[in-house]
Amino acid sequence: MKYICRFGICFLFLIFLGCGEKNSLQSYLALGDSYTIGESVSEFERWPVQLVASLAEENVFLNSPEIIAKTGWTTDELQEGINQAPLNYPYDWVSLLIGVNNQYRGKSIKEFENEFYNLLSQAIMFSGNRKERVFVLSIPDWGAMPYALDNDIQKIAEEIDAFNQVIYQLCAKENVRFIDITHLSRKVSDYANWIAKDGLHPSGTQYSKWVLEILPFFLNTKND
C-alpha cells in the first residue's frame, strides 16, 4: 500500500500547488474507457492520476487530468462523450486509449480503424496540433485476466493484437507516440496483485507499471 500513499500525498500536493500557481501547471486531457477512468480502483490509483503524481517527482507539474472516459465505451461512444464535453483546448498533453470494447463486442476492425483515426485526429487538434504532445496506449489483453478463463483466450489475444496493429499503424502515419503496455497486461499470471478485485481490470499496482512505460515520453518531450 506504500505506493498508494505516496501517490496520494503527491496528488494532494498538486492540488495545493494548483490553487496558488494555477497558471504554471500544464493541462492534460485523457481520453478512453474503463482503463482510463480506473474501473475497480480508487481515483488516486487511476493511471493518469498516478502519471501526474510521478511527473511531479520529476519536477514536471501538470494539473489534475481532465478525463473523458467511461467503462464499456467503444470508439463511437467515446466520440459521443467528446461531442458532449465542454472542452477548453488546446491542452498541453493528450492521451488516447480505446478499443477493447470494440474487440469484446465483436465490432468490425475496419469500422474501428475509421473511428479510431477520427479520435486520433481530434486528440491532435486538442493538443493545438502539437503531435509531439499526444500519446496513445495499446489495448491491454483482458484475456489474460481471471474473468476470461471460460473464454478462448488465444482468440482474444490474436484479436487484441490485430486491433493494436491498426492503432500502431495509424500512430506511425500521424507521427504520434505509441506506447505498448499490452505486454504488461499479459504478465498477470506472475503477479496476482496486478489484478483488481473484479478479476477483469488492472489494479493500481499494474497501472503504476504502465506509468513507468509512459514517463520517458514526458521526460524526453517536456522542453519541446
C-alpha atoms as a PDB file:
ATOM      1  CA  MET A   1       0.000   0.000   0.000  1.00  0.00           C
ATOM      2  CA  LYS A   2       3.022   2.308   0.178  1.00  0.00           C
ATOM      3  CA  TYR A   3       2.750   3.391  -3.450  1.00  0.00           C
ATOM      4  CA  ILE A   4      -0.879   4.456  -2.909  1.00  0.00           C
ATOM      5  CA  CYS A   5       0.127   6.680   0.000  1.00  0.00           C
ATOM      6  CA  ARG A   6       2.984   8.163  -1.987  1.00  0.00           C
ATOM      7  CA  PHE A   7       0.778   8.974  -4.968  1.00  0.00           C
ATOM      8  CA  GLY A   8      -1.976  10.249  -2.692  1.00  0.00           C
ATOM      9  CA  ILE A   9       0.354  12.656  -0.922  1.00  0.00           C
ATOM     10  CA  CYS A  10       1.800  13.861  -4.202  1.00  0.00           C
ATOM     11  CA  PHE A  11      -1.676  14.309  -5.646  1.00  0.00           C
ATOM     12  CA  LEU A  12      -2.696  16.463  -2.682  1.00  0.00           C
ATOM     13  CA  PHE A  13       0.472  18.488  -3.177  1.00  0.00           C
ATOM     14  CA  LEU A  14      -0.544  19.114  -6.784  1.00  0.00           C
ATOM     15  CA  ILE A  15      -3.960  20.328  -5.694  1.00  0.00           C
ATOM     16  CA  PHE A  16      -2.315  22.739  -3.249  1.00  0.00           C
ATOM     17  CA  LEU A  17       0.149  23.897  -5.873  1.00  0.00           C
ATOM     18  CA  GLY A  18      -2.628  24.363  -8.394  1.00  0.00           C
ATOM     19  CA  CYS A  19      -4.510  26.684  -6.054  1.00  0.00           C
ATOM     20  CA  GLY A  20      -1.552  29.024  -5.725  1.00  0.00           C
ATOM     21  CA  GLU A  21       0.148  28.714  -9.103  1.00  0.00           C
ATOM     22  CA  LYS A  22      -2.541  27.548 -11.476  1.00  0.00           C
ATOM     23  CA  ASN A  23      -1.040  29.228 -14.498  1.00  0.00           C
ATOM     24  CA  SER A  24       2.287  27.417 -14.040  1.00  0.00           C
ATOM     25  CA  LEU A  25       0.716  23.969 -14.342  1.00  0.00           C
ATOM     26  CA  GLN A  26       0.333  22.188 -17.644  1.00  0.00           C
ATOM     27  CA  SER A  27      -3.044  20.828 -18.748  1.00  0.00           C
ATOM     28  CA  TYR A  28      -3.680  17.179 -19.553  1.00  0.00           C
ATOM     29  CA  LEU A  29      -6.654  15.549 -21.293  1.00  0.00           C
ATOM     30  CA  ALA A  30      -7.065  11.759 -21.037  1.00  0.00           C
ATOM     31  CA  LEU A  31      -9.486  10.063 -23.449  1.00  0.00           C
ATOM     32  CA  GLY A  32     -10.543   6.452 -23.075  1.00  0.00           C
ATOM     33  CA  ASP A  33     -12.707   3.797 -21.470  1.00  0.00           C
ATOM     34  CA  SER A  34     -12.637   1.716 -18.265  1.00  0.00           C
ATOM     35  CA  TYR A  35      -8.844   1.610 -18.187  1.00  0.00           C
ATOM     36  CA  THR A  36      -8.536   5.394 -18.199  1.00  0.00           C
ATOM     37  CA  ILE A  37     -11.360   6.048 -15.709  1.00  0.00           C
ATOM     38  CA  GLY A  38      -9.944   3.298 -13.489  1.00  0.00           C
ATOM     39  CA  GLU A  39     -12.737   0.779 -13.099  1.00  0.00           C
ATOM     40  CA  SER A  40     -12.465  -1.058  -9.745  1.00  0.00           C
ATOM     41  CA  VAL A  41      -9.649   1.134  -8.392  1.00  0.00           C
ATOM     42  CA  SER A  42      -9.622   4.357  -6.380  1.00  0.00           C
ATOM     43  CA  GLU A  43      -9.265   7.751  -8.017  1.00  0.00           C
ATOM     44  CA  PHE A  44      -5.662   8.001  -6.840  1.00  0.00           C
ATOM     45  CA  GLU A  45      -4.865   4.635  -8.482  1.00  0.00           C
ATOM     46  CA  ARG A  46      -6.013   5.621 -11.970  1.00  0.00           C
ATOM     47  CA  TRP A  47      -3.022   5.626 -14.262  1.00  0.00           C
ATOM     48  CA  PRO A  48      -3.493   9.249 -15.467  1.00  0.00           C
ATOM     49  CA  VAL A  49      -3.573  10.384 -11.830  1.00  0.00           C
ATOM     50  CA  GLN A  50      -0.538   8.265 -10.953  1.00  0.00           C
ATOM     51  CA  LEU A  51       1.211   9.708 -14.005  1.00  0.00           C
ATOM     52  CA  VAL A  52       0.655  13.279 -12.818  1.00  0.00           C
ATOM     53  CA  ALA A  53       1.967  12.341  -9.363  1.00  0.00           C
ATOM     54  CA  SER A  54       5.049  10.622 -10.776  1.00  0.00           C
ATOM     55  CA  LEU A  55       5.798  13.568 -13.058  1.00  0.00           C
ATOM     56  CA  ALA A  56       5.668  15.899 -10.070  1.00  0.00           C
ATOM     57  CA  GLU A  57       8.506  13.891  -8.558  1.00  0.00           C
ATOM     58  CA  GLU A  58      10.451  14.678 -11.734  1.00  0.00           C
ATOM     59  CA  ASN A  59       9.644  18.410 -11.448  1.00  0.00           C
ATOM     60  CA  VAL A  60       7.136  18.271 -14.292  1.00  0.00           C
ATOM     61  CA  PHE A  61       3.918  19.741 -12.958  1.00  0.00           C
ATOM     62  CA  LEU A  62       0.512  19.061 -14.504  1.00  0.00           C
ATOM     63  CA  ASN A  63      -2.981  19.921 -13.395  1.00  0.00           C
ATOM     64  CA  SER A  64      -5.232  17.060 -12.331  1.00  0.00           C
ATOM     65  CA  PRO A  65      -6.074  15.182 -15.541  1.00  0.00           C
ATOM     66  CA  GLU A  66      -9.310  16.040 -17.293  1.00  0.00           C
ATOM     67  CA  ILE A  67     -10.725  12.621 -18.065  1.00  0.00           C
ATOM     68  CA  ILE A  68     -13.322  11.763 -20.690  1.00  0.00           C
ATOM     69  CA  ALA A  69     -13.798   8.032 -20.269  1.00  0.00           C
ATOM     70  CA  LYS A  70     -16.428   5.546 -19.191  1.00  0.00           C
ATOM     71  CA  THR A  71     -16.466   1.817 -18.560  1.00  0.00           C
ATOM     72  CA  GLY A  72     -17.737  -0.061 -21.600  1.00  0.00           C
ATOM     73  CA  TRP A  73     -17.172   2.674 -24.144  1.00  0.00           C
ATOM     74  CA  THR A  74     -16.341   1.773 -27.723  1.00  0.00           C
ATOM     75  CA  THR A  75     -14.781   4.213 -30.184  1.00  0.00           C
ATOM     76  CA  ASP A  76     -18.144   5.621 -31.293  1.00  0.00           C
ATOM     77  CA  GLU A  77     -19.270   6.047 -27.681  1.00  0.00           C
ATOM     78  CA  LEU A  78     -16.076   7.877 -26.781  1.00  0.00           C
ATOM     79  CA  GLN A  79     -16.714  10.122 -29.764  1.00  0.00           C
ATOM     80  CA  GLU A  80     -20.174  10.908 -28.419  1.00  0.00           C
ATOM     81  CA  GLY A  81     -18.695  11.599 -24.995  1.00  0.00           C
ATOM     82  CA  ILE A  82     -16.238  14.038 -26.540  1.00  0.00           C
ATOM     83  CA  ASN A  83     -19.015  15.718 -28.502  1.00  0.00           C
ATOM     84  CA  GLN A  84     -20.926  16.371 -25.285  1.00  0.00           C
ATOM     85  CA  ALA A  85     -17.956  17.505 -23.180  1.00  0.00           C
ATOM     86  CA  PRO A  86     -17.176  21.217 -22.623  1.00  0.00           C
ATOM     87  CA  LEU A  87     -13.536  21.071 -23.638  1.00  0.00           C
ATOM     88  CA  ASN A  88     -11.214  24.018 -23.111  1.00  0.00           C
ATOM     89  CA  TYR A  89      -8.457  23.205 -25.575  1.00  0.00           C
ATOM     90  CA  PRO A  90      -5.662  23.377 -26.536  1.00  0.00           C
ATOM     91  CA  TYR A  91      -4.241  21.092 -23.849  1.00  0.00           C
ATOM     92  CA  ASP A  92      -0.540  20.694 -23.179  1.00  0.00           C
ATOM     93  CA  TRP A  93      -0.827  16.909 -23.265  1.00  0.00           C
ATOM     94  CA  VAL A  94      -3.420  14.475 -24.628  1.00  0.00           C
ATOM     95  CA  SER A  95      -3.632  10.699 -24.276  1.00  0.00           C
ATOM     96  CA  LEU A  96      -5.861   8.167 -26.007  1.00  0.00           C
ATOM     97  CA  LEU A  97      -6.609   4.563 -25.019  1.00  0.00           C
ATOM     98  CA  ILE A  98      -9.658   2.938 -26.606  1.00  0.00           C
ATOM     99  CA  GLY A  99     -10.686  -0.202 -28.439  1.00  0.00           C
ATOM    100  CA  VAL A 100     -11.035  -3.108 -26.019  1.00  0.00           C
ATOM    101  CA  ASN A 101     -14.818  -2.922 -26.101  1.00  0.00           C
ATOM    102  CA  ASN A 102     -14.822  -2.877 -29.897  1.00  0.00           C
ATOM    103  CA  GLN A 103     -12.990  -6.192 -29.741  1.00  0.00           C
ATOM    104  CA  TYR A 104     -15.137  -7.517 -26.887  1.00  0.00           C
ATOM    105  CA  ARG A 105     -18.386  -6.783 -28.744  1.00  0.00           C
ATOM    106  CA  GLY A 106     -17.097  -8.245 -31.989  1.00  0.00           C
ATOM    107  CA  LYS A 107     -17.227  -4.974 -33.874  1.00  0.00           C
ATOM    108  CA  SER A 108     -15.632  -4.594 -37.291  1.00  0.00           C
ATOM    109  CA  ILE A 109     -11.933  -3.842 -37.223  1.00  0.00           C
ATOM    110  CA  LYS A 110     -12.373  -1.698 -40.345  1.00  0.00           C
ATOM    111  CA  GLU A 111     -15.033   0.338 -38.544  1.00  0.00           C
ATOM    112  CA  PHE A 112     -12.660   0.612 -35.618  1.00  0.00           C
ATOM    113  CA  GLU A 113      -9.889   1.857 -37.893  1.00  0.00           C
ATOM    114  CA  ASN A 114     -12.034   4.674 -39.263  1.00  0.00           C
ATOM    115  CA  GLU A 115     -13.381   5.704 -35.860  1.00  0.00           C
ATOM    116  CA  PHE A 116     -10.010   5.492 -34.146  1.00  0.00           C
ATOM    117  CA  TYR A 117      -8.426   7.639 -36.838  1.00  0.00           C
ATOM    118  CA  ASN A 118     -11.072  10.303 -36.241  1.00  0.00           C
ATOM    119  CA  LEU A 119     -10.399  10.176 -32.497  1.00  0.00           C
ATOM    120  CA  LEU A 120      -6.650  10.401 -33.059  1.00  0.00           C
ATOM    121  CA  SER A 121      -7.129  13.398 -35.344  1.00  0.00           C
ATOM    122  CA  GLN A 122      -9.192  15.082 -32.665  1.00  0.00           C
ATOM    123  CA  ALA A 123      -6.598  14.300 -29.994  1.00  0.00           C
ATOM    124  CA  ILE A 124      -4.009  16.043 -32.174  1.00  0.00           C
ATOM    125  CA  MET A 125      -6.327  19.019 -32.594  1.00  0.00           C
ATOM    126  CA  PHE A 126      -6.937  19.155 -28.834  1.00  0.00           C
ATOM    127  CA  SER A 127      -3.169  19.453 -28.330  1.00  0.00           C
ATOM    128  CA  GLY A 128      -3.043  22.520 -30.559  1.00  0.00           C
ATOM    129  CA  ASN A 129      -1.722  20.329 -33.395  1.00  0.00           C
ATOM    130  CA  ARG A 130       1.424  19.507 -31.422  1.00  0.00           C
ATOM    131  CA  LYS A 131       1.724  15.840 -32.282  1.00  0.00           C
ATOM    132  CA  GLU A 132       4.722  15.509 -30.000  1.00  0.00           C
ATOM    133  CA  ARG A 133       2.371  16.194 -27.068  1.00  0.00           C
ATOM    134  CA  VAL A 134      -0.018  13.340 -27.914  1.00  0.00           C
ATOM    135  CA  PHE A 135       0.469   9.721 -26.894  1.00  0.00           C
ATOM    136  CA  VAL A 136      -1.547   6.567 -27.442  1.00  0.00           C
ATOM    137  CA  LEU A 137      -1.559   3.465 -25.264  1.00  0.00           C
ATOM    138  CA  SER A 138      -2.057  -0.002 -26.682  1.00  0.00           C
ATOM    139  CA  ILE A 139      -5.109  -2.056 -25.723  1.00  0.00           C
ATOM    140  CA  PRO A 140      -4.477  -4.378 -22.760  1.00  0.00           C
ATOM    141  CA  ASP A 141      -5.255  -8.077 -23.170  1.00  0.00           C
ATOM    142  CA  TRP A 142      -8.292  -8.780 -20.984  1.00  0.00           C
ATOM    143  CA  GLY A 143      -7.997 -12.433 -21.978  1.00  0.00           C
ATOM    144  CA  ALA A 144      -5.102 -12.776 -19.549  1.00  0.00           C
ATOM    145  CA  MET A 145      -7.382 -11.925 -16.630  1.00  0.00           C
ATOM    146  CA  PRO A 146      -9.202 -14.489 -14.424  1.00  0.00           C
ATOM    147  CA  TYR A 147     -12.521 -13.131 -15.737  1.00  0.00           C
ATOM    148  CA  ALA A 148     -11.714 -14.653 -19.144  1.00  0.00           C
ATOM    149  CA  LEU A 149     -10.961 -18.206 -18.013  1.00  0.00           C
ATOM    150  CA  ASP A 150     -14.040 -19.646 -19.742  1.00  0.00           C
ATOM    151  CA  ASN A 151     -13.289 -17.828 -23.000  1.00  0.00           C
ATOM    152  CA  ASP A 152     -11.000 -18.584 -25.938  1.00  0.00           C
ATOM    153  CA  ILE A 153      -8.019 -16.638 -24.633  1.00  0.00           C
ATOM    154  CA  GLN A 154      -5.908 -17.371 -27.711  1.00  0.00           C
ATOM    155  CA  LYS A 155      -8.580 -15.854 -29.953  1.00  0.00           C
ATOM    156  CA  ILE A 156      -8.854 -12.829 -27.668  1.00  0.00           C
ATOM    157  CA  ALA A 157      -5.074 -12.341 -27.769  1.00  0.00           C
ATOM    158  CA  GLU A 158      -4.974 -12.567 -31.552  1.00  0.00           C
ATOM    159  CA  GLU A 159      -7.814 -10.082 -31.940  1.00  0.00           C
ATOM    160  CA  ILE A 160      -6.268  -7.661 -29.438  1.00  0.00           C
ATOM    161  CA  ASP A 161      -3.011  -7.869 -31.406  1.00  0.00           C
ATOM    162  CA  ALA A 162      -4.893  -7.112 -34.635  1.00  0.00           C
ATOM    163  CA  PHE A 163      -6.572  -4.055 -33.128  1.00  0.00           C
ATOM    164  CA  ASN A 164      -3.259  -2.882 -31.700  1.00  0.00           C
ATOM    165  CA  GLN A 165      -1.617  -3.257 -35.092  1.00  0.00           C
ATOM    166  CA  VAL A 166      -4.207  -0.886 -36.542  1.00  0.00           C
ATOM    167  CA  ILE A 167      -3.517   1.589 -33.745  1.00  0.00           C
ATOM    168  CA  TYR A 168       0.240   1.320 -34.232  1.00  0.00           C
ATOM    169  CA  GLN A 169      -0.014   1.916 -37.971  1.00  0.00           C
ATOM    170  CA  LEU A 170      -2.242   4.972 -37.554  1.00  0.00           C
ATOM    171  CA  CYS A 171       0.094   6.402 -34.929  1.00  0.00           C
ATOM    172  CA  ALA A 172       3.067   5.832 -37.231  1.00  0.00           C
ATOM    173  CA  LYS A 173       1.193   7.520 -40.081  1.00  0.00           C
ATOM    174  CA  GLU A 174       0.487  10.595 -37.939  1.00  0.00           C
ATOM    175  CA  ASN A 175       3.869  10.562 -36.157  1.00  0.00           C
ATOM    176  CA  VAL A 176       2.223  10.149 -32.751  1.00  0.00           C
ATOM    177  CA  ARG A 177       3.890   8.189 -29.952  1.00  0.00           C
ATOM    178  CA  PHE A 178       2.528   4.667 -29.457  1.00  0.00           C
ATOM    179  CA  ILE A 179       3.254   3.173 -26.033  1.00  0.00           C
ATOM    180  CA  ASP A 180       2.894  -0.577 -25.696  1.00  0.00           C
ATOM    181  CA  ILE A 181       1.531  -1.706 -22.343  1.00  0.00           C
ATOM    182  CA  THR A 182      -0.101  -4.907 -23.666  1.00  0.00           C
ATOM    183  CA  HIS A 183       2.937  -6.988 -22.737  1.00  0.00           C
ATOM    184  CA  LEU A 184       2.481  -5.887 -19.124  1.00  0.00           C
ATOM    185  CA  SER A 185      -1.190  -6.888 -19.118  1.00  0.00           C
ATOM    186  CA  ARG A 186      -0.121 -10.397 -20.116  1.00  0.00           C
ATOM    187  CA  LYS A 187       2.082 -10.860 -17.049  1.00  0.00           C
ATOM    188  CA  VAL A 188      -0.728 -11.021 -14.503  1.00  0.00           C
ATOM    189  CA  SER A 189      -0.329 -14.762 -14.018  1.00  0.00           C
ATOM    190  CA  ASP A 190       3.027 -13.945 -12.400  1.00  0.00           C
ATOM    191  CA  TYR A 191       1.760 -11.004 -10.348  1.00  0.00           C
ATOM    192  CA  ALA A 192      -1.538 -11.591  -8.592  1.00  0.00           C
ATOM    193  CA  ASN A 193      -1.511  -8.057  -7.164  1.00  0.00           C
ATOM    194  CA  TRP A 194      -1.718  -6.668 -10.702  1.00  0.00           C
ATOM    195  CA  ILE A 195      -5.389  -7.706 -10.853  1.00  0.00           C
ATOM    196  CA  ALA A 196      -8.258  -5.611  -9.469  1.00  0.00           C
ATOM    197  CA  LYS A 197     -10.857  -7.216  -7.236  1.00  0.00           C
ATOM    198  CA  ASP A 198     -13.299  -7.644 -10.137  1.00  0.00           C
ATOM    199  CA  GLY A 199     -10.895 -10.089 -11.809  1.00  0.00           C
ATOM    200  CA  LEU A 200     -11.069  -8.170 -15.086  1.00  0.00           C
ATOM    201  CA  HIS A 201      -9.365  -4.809 -14.733  1.00  0.00           C
ATOM    202  CA  PRO A 202      -5.813  -3.845 -13.738  1.00  0.00           C
ATOM    203  CA  SER A 203      -5.057  -2.944 -10.148  1.00  0.00           C
ATOM    204  CA  GLY A 204      -3.399   0.277  -9.112  1.00  0.00           C
ATOM    205  CA  THR A 205      -0.147  -1.668  -8.892  1.00  0.00           C
ATOM    206  CA  GLN A 206      -0.354  -2.697 -12.534  1.00  0.00           C
ATOM    207  CA  TYR A 207      -1.233   0.854 -13.517  1.00  0.00           C
ATOM    208  CA  SER A 208       1.926   2.034 -11.754  1.00  0.00           C
ATOM    209  CA  LYS A 209       3.895  -0.212 -14.137  1.00  0.00           C
ATOM    210  CA  TRP A 210       2.123   1.411 -17.072  1.00  0.00           C
ATOM    211  CA  VAL A 211       3.220   4.789 -15.767  1.00  0.00           C
ATOM    212  CA  LEU A 212       6.849   3.665 -15.829  1.00  0.00           C
ATOM    213  CA  GLU A 213       6.417   2.930 -19.535  1.00  0.00           C
ATOM    214  CA  ILE A 214       4.892   6.383 -20.142  1.00  0.00           C
ATOM    215  CA  LEU A 215       7.302   8.547 -18.122  1.00  0.00           C
ATOM    216  CA  PRO A 216      10.156   8.587 -20.681  1.00  0.00           C
ATOM    217  CA  PHE A 217       7.806  10.090 -23.257  1.00  0.00           C
ATOM    218  CA  PHE A 218       7.159  13.061 -20.985  1.00  0.00           C
ATOM    219  CA  LEU A 219      10.690  13.453 -19.709  1.00  0.00           C
ATOM    220  CA  ASN A 220      12.110  13.446 -23.232  1.00  0.00           C
ATOM    221  CA  THR A 221       9.487  15.868 -24.549  1.00  0.00           C
ATOM    222  CA  LYS A 222       8.903  18.338 -21.684  1.00  0.00           C
ATOM    223  CA  ASN A 223      11.220  21.014 -23.066  1.00  0.00           C
ATOM    224  CA  ASP A 224       9.998  20.810 -26.671  1.00  0.00           C
END
